[in-house]
Amino acid sequence: MIYKIRIILDAEEDVFRDIEIENKSTLEDFHNTITQSFGFMGNEMASFYTCDDEWNQDEEIVLFDMGESGNGARLMSETLLGDVLTEASPKLIYVYDYLSMWTFFVELADIVDKLDGQAYPNLLFSFGELPDSPPEKEFKSDSGFDIDETLDNYDDFDFDENWN
């Protein structure tokens, strides 16, 4: 089966790509397709996250396991696209480059039969240009606690900053 998927940059301006890819492709194959379609070099760390209908992230699926034990994380190379992206759960979050935090919303649009003679993956449609730098993120908890605001005011912390 062929998945038709829309990948949308989390930004104010509309930037997205529509891709066709086989459901039996690995998430690593999908990661490579996304990086190429948006013009990234593909040499940065990345993760997919399963999520609910409200885009609340759940399980992380990593490109490389950076844990000390080497067996704690689910790997893209061992995970099929069709195992995590289904009609019942049609959304994923994709984060590329942990320092820049390029964040994308991935949504399954349609499932179709494979066409003879068609090469996959296939870039169907490209809209918008990637900005020079990733969109700014505002980090807030569900309770409204503003992490950025709190970290800017060190005087409120009860510790000696010259402890060593």
N, C-alpha and C. Protein backbone atom coordinates (compact mmCIF):
# COMPACT_ATOMS: atom_id res chain seq x y z
N MET A 1 0.84 -1.19 0.00
CA MET A 1 0.00 0.00 0.00
C MET A 1 0.88 1.25 0.00
N ILE A 2 0.35 2.31 -0.55
CA ILE A 2 1.06 3.58 -0.64
C ILE A 2 0.37 4.59 0.27
N TYR A 3 1.16 5.23 1.11
CA TYR A 3 0.67 6.29 1.98
C TYR A 3 0.89 7.63 1.30
N LYS A 4 -0.15 8.45 1.27
CA LYS A 4 -0.02 9.84 0.86
C LYS A 4 0.00 10.64 2.16
N ILE A 5 1.09 11.37 2.38
CA ILE A 5 1.33 12.02 3.66
C ILE A 5 1.65 13.49 3.43
N ARG A 6 1.10 14.34 4.29
CA ARG A 6 1.44 15.77 4.28
C ARG A 6 2.34 16.04 5.49
N ILE A 7 3.48 16.72 5.24
CA ILE A 7 4.41 17.11 6.28
C ILE A 7 4.42 18.63 6.34
N ILE A 8 4.01 19.19 7.48
CA ILE A 8 3.81 20.63 7.62
C ILE A 8 4.80 21.18 8.65
N LEU A 9 5.56 22.22 8.27
CA LEU A 9 6.45 22.89 9.20
C LEU A 9 5.62 23.64 10.23
N ASP A 10 5.99 23.53 11.51
CA ASP A 10 5.31 24.26 12.57
C ASP A 10 5.80 25.71 12.54
N ALA A 11 5.11 26.53 11.73
CA ALA A 11 5.48 27.93 11.54
C ALA A 11 4.24 28.73 11.18
N GLU A 12 4.37 30.06 11.23
CA GLU A 12 3.24 30.92 10.86
C GLU A 12 2.97 30.86 9.36
N GLU A 13 4.04 30.85 8.57
CA GLU A 13 3.91 30.75 7.12
C GLU A 13 3.63 29.31 6.73
N ASP A 14 2.84 29.09 5.70
CA ASP A 14 2.55 27.74 5.22
C ASP A 14 3.76 27.19 4.47
N VAL A 15 4.30 26.10 4.99
CA VAL A 15 5.39 25.38 4.34
C VAL A 15 5.09 23.90 4.53
N PHE A 16 4.83 23.20 3.41
CA PHE A 16 4.54 21.78 3.54
C PHE A 16 4.95 21.02 2.28
N ARG A 17 5.03 19.71 2.46
CA ARG A 17 5.32 18.80 1.35
C ARG A 17 4.33 17.65 1.41
N ASP A 18 3.85 17.23 0.24
CA ASP A 18 3.01 16.04 0.13
C ASP A 18 3.85 14.94 -0.50
N ILE A 19 3.89 13.80 0.15
CA ILE A 19 4.77 12.71 -0.25
C ILE A 19 3.97 11.42 -0.37
N GLU A 20 4.34 10.60 -1.33
CA GLU A 20 3.86 9.22 -1.41
C GLU A 20 5.02 8.32 -1.02
N ILE A 21 4.73 7.33 -0.16
CA ILE A 21 5.76 6.40 0.29
C ILE A 21 5.09 5.08 0.65
N GLU A 22 5.82 3.99 0.46
CA GLU A 22 5.26 2.68 0.78
C GLU A 22 5.12 2.52 2.29
N ASN A 23 4.01 1.91 2.70
CA ASN A 23 3.76 1.73 4.14
C ASN A 23 4.77 0.76 4.77
N LYS A 24 5.44 -0.06 3.96
CA LYS A 24 6.43 -0.99 4.49
C LYS A 24 7.83 -0.37 4.56
N SER A 25 7.95 0.92 4.24
CA SER A 25 9.22 1.63 4.40
C SER A 25 9.49 1.83 5.88
N THR A 26 10.77 1.93 6.24
CA THR A 26 11.11 2.20 7.64
C THR A 26 10.96 3.69 7.91
N LEU A 27 10.91 4.04 9.19
CA LEU A 27 10.88 5.45 9.54
C LEU A 27 12.19 6.13 9.16
N GLU A 28 13.28 5.37 9.10
CA GLU A 28 14.55 5.95 8.65
C GLU A 28 14.44 6.34 7.17
N ASP A 29 13.82 5.51 6.36
CA ASP A 29 13.57 5.86 4.95
C ASP A 29 12.71 7.12 4.86
N PHE A 30 11.69 7.19 5.70
CA PHE A 30 10.79 8.34 5.71
C PHE A 30 11.53 9.59 6.16
N HIS A 31 12.37 9.46 7.18
CA HIS A 31 13.20 10.57 7.65
C HIS A 31 14.06 11.11 6.51
N ASN A 32 14.72 10.21 5.76
CA ASN A 32 15.55 10.62 4.63
C ASN A 32 14.74 11.33 3.56
N THR A 33 13.53 10.85 3.32
CA THR A 33 12.64 11.48 2.34
C THR A 33 12.26 12.89 2.78
N ILE A 34 11.94 13.04 4.05
CA ILE A 34 11.56 14.36 4.57
C ILE A 34 12.73 15.33 4.46
N THR A 35 13.92 14.91 4.91
CA THR A 35 15.07 15.82 4.86
C THR A 35 15.37 16.26 3.43
N GLN A 36 15.30 15.33 2.50
CA GLN A 36 15.56 15.67 1.10
C GLN A 36 14.50 16.60 0.53
N SER A 37 13.24 16.36 0.87
CA SER A 37 12.16 17.18 0.31
C SER A 37 12.16 18.61 0.84
N PHE A 38 12.73 18.81 2.05
CA PHE A 38 12.80 20.16 2.60
C PHE A 38 14.17 20.81 2.38
N GLY A 39 15.12 20.07 1.80
CA GLY A 39 16.42 20.64 1.49
C GLY A 39 17.42 20.60 2.62
N PHE A 40 17.21 19.77 3.62
CA PHE A 40 18.19 19.62 4.69
C PHE A 40 19.32 18.70 4.24
N MET A 41 20.46 18.82 4.86
CA MET A 41 21.60 17.96 4.55
C MET A 41 21.35 16.52 5.03
N GLY A 42 20.55 16.37 6.08
CA GLY A 42 20.25 15.04 6.60
C GLY A 42 21.30 14.51 7.56
N ASN A 43 22.20 15.37 8.04
CA ASN A 43 23.27 14.93 8.91
C ASN A 43 23.05 15.29 10.39
N GLU A 44 21.85 15.66 10.76
CA GLU A 44 21.52 16.00 12.14
C GLU A 44 20.65 14.91 12.76
N MET A 45 20.63 14.88 14.08
CA MET A 45 19.78 13.93 14.80
C MET A 45 18.31 14.29 14.57
N ALA A 46 17.47 13.28 14.70
CA ALA A 46 16.05 13.50 14.48
C ALA A 46 15.25 12.45 15.25
N SER A 47 13.99 12.75 15.48
CA SER A 47 13.08 11.81 16.14
C SER A 47 11.69 11.97 15.58
N PHE A 48 10.96 10.87 15.57
CA PHE A 48 9.52 10.89 15.37
C PHE A 48 8.88 10.67 16.72
N TYR A 49 7.69 11.22 16.89
CA TYR A 49 6.92 10.99 18.10
C TYR A 49 5.52 10.56 17.70
N THR A 50 5.05 9.49 18.30
CA THR A 50 3.65 9.17 18.12
C THR A 50 2.87 10.22 18.90
N CYS A 51 1.62 10.46 18.52
CA CYS A 51 0.85 11.49 19.20
C CYS A 51 -0.64 11.19 19.06
N ASP A 52 -1.43 11.94 19.83
CA ASP A 52 -2.88 11.77 19.75
C ASP A 52 -3.45 12.76 18.74
N ASP A 53 -4.76 12.84 18.66
CA ASP A 53 -5.43 13.72 17.70
C ASP A 53 -5.17 15.21 17.97
N GLU A 54 -4.76 15.54 19.21
CA GLU A 54 -4.49 16.93 19.58
C GLU A 54 -3.01 17.28 19.47
N TRP A 55 -2.22 16.39 18.87
CA TRP A 55 -0.79 16.55 18.67
C TRP A 55 0.01 16.49 19.97
N ASN A 56 -0.52 15.87 21.01
CA ASN A 56 0.24 15.67 22.25
C ASN A 56 1.17 14.49 22.04
N GLN A 57 2.49 14.73 22.16
CA GLN A 57 3.44 13.68 21.83
C GLN A 57 3.46 12.59 22.87
N ASP A 58 3.81 11.39 22.38
CA ASP A 58 3.81 10.20 23.22
C ASP A 58 5.18 9.53 23.09
N GLU A 59 5.25 8.41 22.41
CA GLU A 59 6.49 7.63 22.32
C GLU A 59 7.47 8.24 21.32
N GLU A 60 8.74 8.29 21.70
CA GLU A 60 9.79 8.78 20.82
C GLU A 60 10.41 7.61 20.05
N ILE A 61 10.64 7.83 18.77
CA ILE A 61 11.32 6.86 17.91
C ILE A 61 12.52 7.59 17.33
N VAL A 62 13.73 7.14 17.68
CA VAL A 62 14.95 7.89 17.41
C VAL A 62 15.71 7.36 16.20
N LEU A 63 16.54 8.23 15.65
CA LEU A 63 17.41 7.84 14.54
C LEU A 63 18.53 6.94 15.05
N PHE A 64 19.16 7.32 16.16
CA PHE A 64 20.20 6.53 16.80
C PHE A 64 19.93 6.48 18.29
N ASP A 65 20.18 5.35 18.91
CA ASP A 65 20.02 5.23 20.36
C ASP A 65 21.26 5.78 21.03
N MET A 66 21.11 6.89 21.73
CA MET A 66 22.23 7.53 22.40
C MET A 66 22.33 7.13 23.87
N GLY A 67 21.47 6.22 24.32
CA GLY A 67 21.50 5.78 25.70
C GLY A 67 22.74 4.95 26.00
N GLU A 68 23.11 4.91 27.27
CA GLU A 68 24.31 4.17 27.67
C GLU A 68 24.16 2.67 27.42
N SER A 69 22.99 2.13 27.66
CA SER A 69 22.80 0.69 27.50
C SER A 69 22.61 0.30 26.04
N GLY A 70 22.21 1.24 25.21
CA GLY A 70 22.07 0.98 23.79
C GLY A 70 20.84 0.18 23.40
N ASN A 71 19.91 -0.02 24.31
CA ASN A 71 18.72 -0.80 23.96
C ASN A 71 17.44 -0.22 24.53
N GLY A 72 17.47 1.05 24.88
CA GLY A 72 16.30 1.62 25.52
C GLY A 72 15.31 2.29 24.60
N ALA A 73 15.75 2.72 23.44
CA ALA A 73 14.88 3.50 22.57
C ALA A 73 14.45 2.69 21.35
N ARG A 74 13.29 3.03 20.86
CA ARG A 74 12.82 2.44 19.60
C ARG A 74 13.52 3.15 18.45
N LEU A 75 14.02 2.39 17.49
CA LEU A 75 14.82 2.95 16.42
C LEU A 75 14.03 3.09 15.12
N MET A 76 14.31 4.16 14.37
CA MET A 76 13.67 4.37 13.08
C MET A 76 13.97 3.22 12.12
N SER A 77 15.19 2.72 12.14
CA SER A 77 15.60 1.68 11.20
C SER A 77 14.89 0.35 11.45
N GLU A 78 14.32 0.19 12.65
CA GLU A 78 13.63 -1.05 13.01
C GLU A 78 12.12 -0.90 13.07
N THR A 79 11.62 0.26 12.69
CA THR A 79 10.19 0.55 12.80
C THR A 79 9.61 0.85 11.42
N LEU A 80 8.59 0.10 11.04
CA LEU A 80 7.93 0.33 9.76
C LEU A 80 6.94 1.47 9.88
N LEU A 81 6.85 2.26 8.83
CA LEU A 81 5.92 3.38 8.79
C LEU A 81 4.49 2.91 9.06
N GLY A 82 4.10 1.79 8.45
CA GLY A 82 2.75 1.26 8.62
C GLY A 82 2.43 0.78 10.02
N ASP A 83 3.46 0.59 10.87
CA ASP A 83 3.24 0.18 12.25
C ASP A 83 2.90 1.34 13.17
N VAL A 84 3.27 2.56 12.79
CA VAL A 84 3.02 3.72 13.66
C VAL A 84 2.06 4.74 13.05
N LEU A 85 1.90 4.72 11.75
CA LEU A 85 1.00 5.66 11.08
C LEU A 85 -0.10 4.85 10.41
N THR A 86 -1.30 4.95 10.95
CA THR A 86 -2.43 4.15 10.48
C THR A 86 -3.66 5.03 10.37
N GLU A 87 -4.73 4.47 9.81
CA GLU A 87 -5.98 5.23 9.76
C GLU A 87 -6.50 5.53 11.16
N ALA A 88 -6.25 4.64 12.11
CA ALA A 88 -6.70 4.85 13.48
C ALA A 88 -5.85 5.89 14.21
N SER A 89 -4.58 5.98 13.88
CA SER A 89 -3.69 7.00 14.46
C SER A 89 -2.87 7.64 13.33
N PRO A 90 -3.48 8.62 12.65
CA PRO A 90 -2.89 9.16 11.42
C PRO A 90 -1.89 10.30 11.59
N LYS A 91 -1.40 10.54 12.82
CA LYS A 91 -0.53 11.69 13.04
C LYS A 91 0.78 11.29 13.72
N LEU A 92 1.84 12.00 13.33
CA LEU A 92 3.15 11.89 13.97
C LEU A 92 3.72 13.30 14.08
N ILE A 93 4.65 13.46 14.99
CA ILE A 93 5.44 14.69 15.07
C ILE A 93 6.86 14.30 14.69
N TYR A 94 7.51 15.14 13.88
CA TYR A 94 8.88 14.89 13.45
C TYR A 94 9.72 16.09 13.86
N VAL A 95 10.83 15.83 14.55
CA VAL A 95 11.75 16.89 14.97
C VAL A 95 13.11 16.61 14.34
N TYR A 96 13.63 17.60 13.63
CA TYR A 96 14.93 17.48 12.97
C TYR A 96 15.89 18.50 13.58
N ASP A 97 17.07 18.06 13.93
CA ASP A 97 18.15 18.90 14.47
C ASP A 97 17.76 19.41 15.86
N TYR A 98 18.21 18.68 16.87
CA TYR A 98 17.84 18.97 18.25
C TYR A 98 18.27 20.36 18.72
N LEU A 99 19.30 20.94 18.11
CA LEU A 99 19.72 22.28 18.50
C LEU A 99 18.80 23.35 17.91
N SER A 100 18.35 23.14 16.69
CA SER A 100 17.47 24.11 16.03
C SER A 100 15.99 23.80 16.25
N MET A 101 15.68 22.53 16.48
CA MET A 101 14.31 22.08 16.75
C MET A 101 13.34 22.40 15.62
N TRP A 102 13.71 22.02 14.39
CA TRP A 102 12.77 22.11 13.28
C TRP A 102 11.67 21.10 13.58
N THR A 103 10.45 21.55 13.72
CA THR A 103 9.34 20.69 14.12
C THR A 103 8.29 20.63 13.01
N PHE A 104 7.86 19.40 12.72
CA PHE A 104 6.91 19.17 11.62
C PHE A 104 5.75 18.32 12.11
N PHE A 105 4.57 18.62 11.58
CA PHE A 105 3.39 17.81 11.82
C PHE A 105 3.21 16.90 10.61
N VAL A 106 3.10 15.61 10.85
CA VAL A 106 2.99 14.60 9.80
C VAL A 106 1.59 14.01 9.88
N GLU A 107 0.88 14.01 8.76
CA GLU A 107 -0.49 13.48 8.78
C GLU A 107 -0.76 12.63 7.55
N LEU A 108 -1.28 11.44 7.82
CA LEU A 108 -1.68 10.53 6.76
C LEU A 108 -2.93 11.08 6.09
N ALA A 109 -2.84 11.31 4.79
CA ALA A 109 -3.97 11.88 4.05
C ALA A 109 -4.79 10.82 3.33
N ASP A 110 -4.11 9.77 2.82
CA ASP A 110 -4.82 8.76 2.03
C ASP A 110 -3.96 7.50 1.93
N ILE A 111 -4.62 6.39 1.69
CA ILE A 111 -3.93 5.13 1.43
C ILE A 111 -4.44 4.64 0.08
N VAL A 112 -3.50 4.41 -0.86
CA VAL A 112 -3.87 4.01 -2.21
C VAL A 112 -3.05 2.79 -2.62
N ASP A 113 -3.45 2.19 -3.73
CA ASP A 113 -2.71 1.05 -4.27
C ASP A 113 -1.45 1.54 -4.97
N LYS A 114 -0.44 0.70 -4.97
CA LYS A 114 0.81 0.99 -5.65
C LYS A 114 0.57 0.97 -7.16
N LEU A 115 1.12 1.97 -7.85
CA LEU A 115 1.01 2.04 -9.30
C LEU A 115 2.22 1.39 -9.95
N ASP A 116 1.98 0.54 -10.92
CA ASP A 116 3.07 -0.09 -11.66
C ASP A 116 3.89 0.99 -12.37
N GLY A 117 5.21 0.87 -12.27
CA GLY A 117 6.08 1.80 -12.95
C GLY A 117 6.38 3.07 -12.17
N GLN A 118 5.70 3.31 -11.07
CA GLN A 118 5.92 4.51 -10.26
C GLN A 118 7.01 4.23 -9.22
N ALA A 119 7.98 5.11 -9.11
CA ALA A 119 9.04 4.98 -8.11
C ALA A 119 8.59 5.65 -6.81
N TYR A 120 8.88 5.00 -5.70
CA TYR A 120 8.54 5.52 -4.38
C TYR A 120 9.80 5.56 -3.53
N PRO A 121 9.96 6.56 -2.68
CA PRO A 121 9.03 7.64 -2.38
C PRO A 121 8.95 8.65 -3.53
N ASN A 122 7.86 9.39 -3.50
CA ASN A 122 7.55 10.32 -4.57
C ASN A 122 7.07 11.64 -3.97
N LEU A 123 7.73 12.74 -4.32
CA LEU A 123 7.29 14.06 -3.88
C LEU A 123 6.16 14.51 -4.79
N LEU A 124 4.96 14.60 -4.25
CA LEU A 124 3.78 14.98 -5.03
C LEU A 124 3.64 16.48 -5.19
N PHE A 125 3.89 17.21 -4.08
CA PHE A 125 3.61 18.64 -4.09
C PHE A 125 4.50 19.32 -3.06
N SER A 126 5.01 20.47 -3.41
CA SER A 126 5.85 21.26 -2.51
C SER A 126 5.28 22.67 -2.44
N PHE A 127 5.04 23.15 -1.22
CA PHE A 127 4.49 24.50 -1.06
C PHE A 127 5.31 25.24 -0.02
N GLY A 128 5.74 26.44 -0.36
CA GLY A 128 6.46 27.30 0.58
C GLY A 128 7.94 26.97 0.65
N GLU A 129 8.69 27.96 1.08
CA GLU A 129 10.13 27.82 1.24
C GLU A 129 10.48 27.74 2.71
N LEU A 130 11.44 26.89 3.02
CA LEU A 130 11.93 26.76 4.39
C LEU A 130 12.60 28.07 4.79
N PRO A 131 12.27 28.64 5.95
CA PRO A 131 12.93 29.88 6.37
C PRO A 131 14.41 29.62 6.67
N ASP A 132 15.21 30.69 6.76
CA ASP A 132 16.64 30.56 7.03
C ASP A 132 16.91 29.97 8.41
N SER A 133 16.03 30.23 9.35
CA SER A 133 16.19 29.68 10.70
C SER A 133 14.84 29.14 11.16
N PRO A 134 14.88 28.19 12.09
CA PRO A 134 13.62 27.58 12.54
C PRO A 134 12.74 28.59 13.27
N PRO A 135 11.43 28.40 13.21
CA PRO A 135 10.52 29.29 13.93
C PRO A 135 10.78 29.22 15.42
N GLU A 136 10.61 30.35 16.10
CA GLU A 136 10.78 30.42 17.55
C GLU A 136 9.71 29.57 18.23
N LYS A 137 10.09 28.92 19.30
CA LYS A 137 9.16 28.11 20.07
C LYS A 137 8.93 28.77 21.43
N GLU A 138 7.71 28.68 21.89
CA GLU A 138 7.37 29.18 23.21
C GLU A 138 7.02 27.98 24.07
N PHE A 139 7.81 27.77 25.12
CA PHE A 139 7.63 26.60 25.96
C PHE A 139 6.83 26.95 27.20
N LYS A 140 5.64 26.36 27.29
CA LYS A 140 4.77 26.55 28.45
C LYS A 140 4.22 25.20 28.86
N SER A 141 4.03 25.05 30.13
CA SER A 141 3.43 23.81 30.61
C SER A 141 1.92 23.91 30.51
N ASP A 142 1.24 22.80 30.75
CA ASP A 142 -0.22 22.79 30.72
C ASP A 142 -0.81 23.71 31.78
N SER A 143 -0.05 23.95 32.86
CA SER A 143 -0.56 24.79 33.95
C SER A 143 -0.32 26.27 33.68
N GLY A 144 0.32 26.60 32.54
CA GLY A 144 0.56 28.00 32.21
C GLY A 144 1.91 28.49 32.70
N PHE A 145 2.70 27.65 33.34
CA PHE A 145 4.03 27.99 33.84
C PHE A 145 4.92 28.29 32.65
N ASP A 146 5.50 29.49 32.60
CA ASP A 146 6.34 29.91 31.48
C ASP A 146 7.79 29.61 31.81
N ILE A 147 8.34 28.60 31.18
CA ILE A 147 9.70 28.16 31.46
C ILE A 147 10.70 29.24 31.09
N ASP A 148 10.54 29.87 29.93
CA ASP A 148 11.48 30.90 29.49
C ASP A 148 11.52 32.07 30.46
N GLU A 149 10.35 32.50 30.93
CA GLU A 149 10.26 33.63 31.85
C GLU A 149 10.92 33.30 33.18
N THR A 150 10.74 32.10 33.67
CA THR A 150 11.31 31.68 34.94
C THR A 150 12.84 31.63 34.87
N LEU A 151 13.38 31.11 33.78
CA LEU A 151 14.83 30.99 33.66
C LEU A 151 15.52 32.34 33.48
N ASP A 152 14.79 33.35 33.06
CA ASP A 152 15.37 34.68 32.90
C ASP A 152 15.55 35.40 34.22
N ASN A 153 14.90 34.94 35.28
CA ASN A 153 14.95 35.62 36.56
C ASN A 153 15.60 34.71 37.60
N TYR A 154 16.93 34.71 37.63
CA TYR A 154 17.67 33.82 38.53
C TYR A 154 17.55 34.25 40.00
N ASP A 155 17.19 35.50 40.27
CA ASP A 155 17.09 35.98 41.64
C ASP A 155 16.02 35.24 42.43
N ASP A 156 15.03 34.67 41.73
CA ASP A 156 13.96 33.95 42.42
C ASP A 156 14.39 32.57 42.90
N PHE A 157 15.52 32.07 42.39
CA PHE A 157 15.98 30.75 42.81
C PHE A 157 16.71 30.86 44.15
N ASP A 158 16.55 29.85 44.98
CA ASP A 158 17.15 29.85 46.30
C ASP A 158 18.40 28.95 46.28
N PHE A 159 19.46 29.47 45.66
CA PHE A 159 20.71 28.72 45.65
C PHE A 159 21.86 29.69 45.44
N ASP A 160 23.06 29.24 45.82
CA ASP A 160 24.25 30.03 45.66
C ASP A 160 24.86 29.72 44.31
N GLU A 161 24.85 30.69 43.39
CA GLU A 161 25.34 30.43 42.05
C GLU A 161 26.86 30.24 42.02
N ASN A 162 27.54 30.60 43.08
CA ASN A 162 29.00 30.44 43.17
C ASN A 162 29.36 29.29 44.11
N TRP A 163 28.63 28.23 44.06
CA TRP A 163 28.78 27.13 45.01
C TRP A 163 30.09 26.36 44.86
N ASN A 164 30.73 26.42 43.75
CA ASN A 164 31.97 25.65 43.61
C ASN A 164 33.11 26.59 43.66
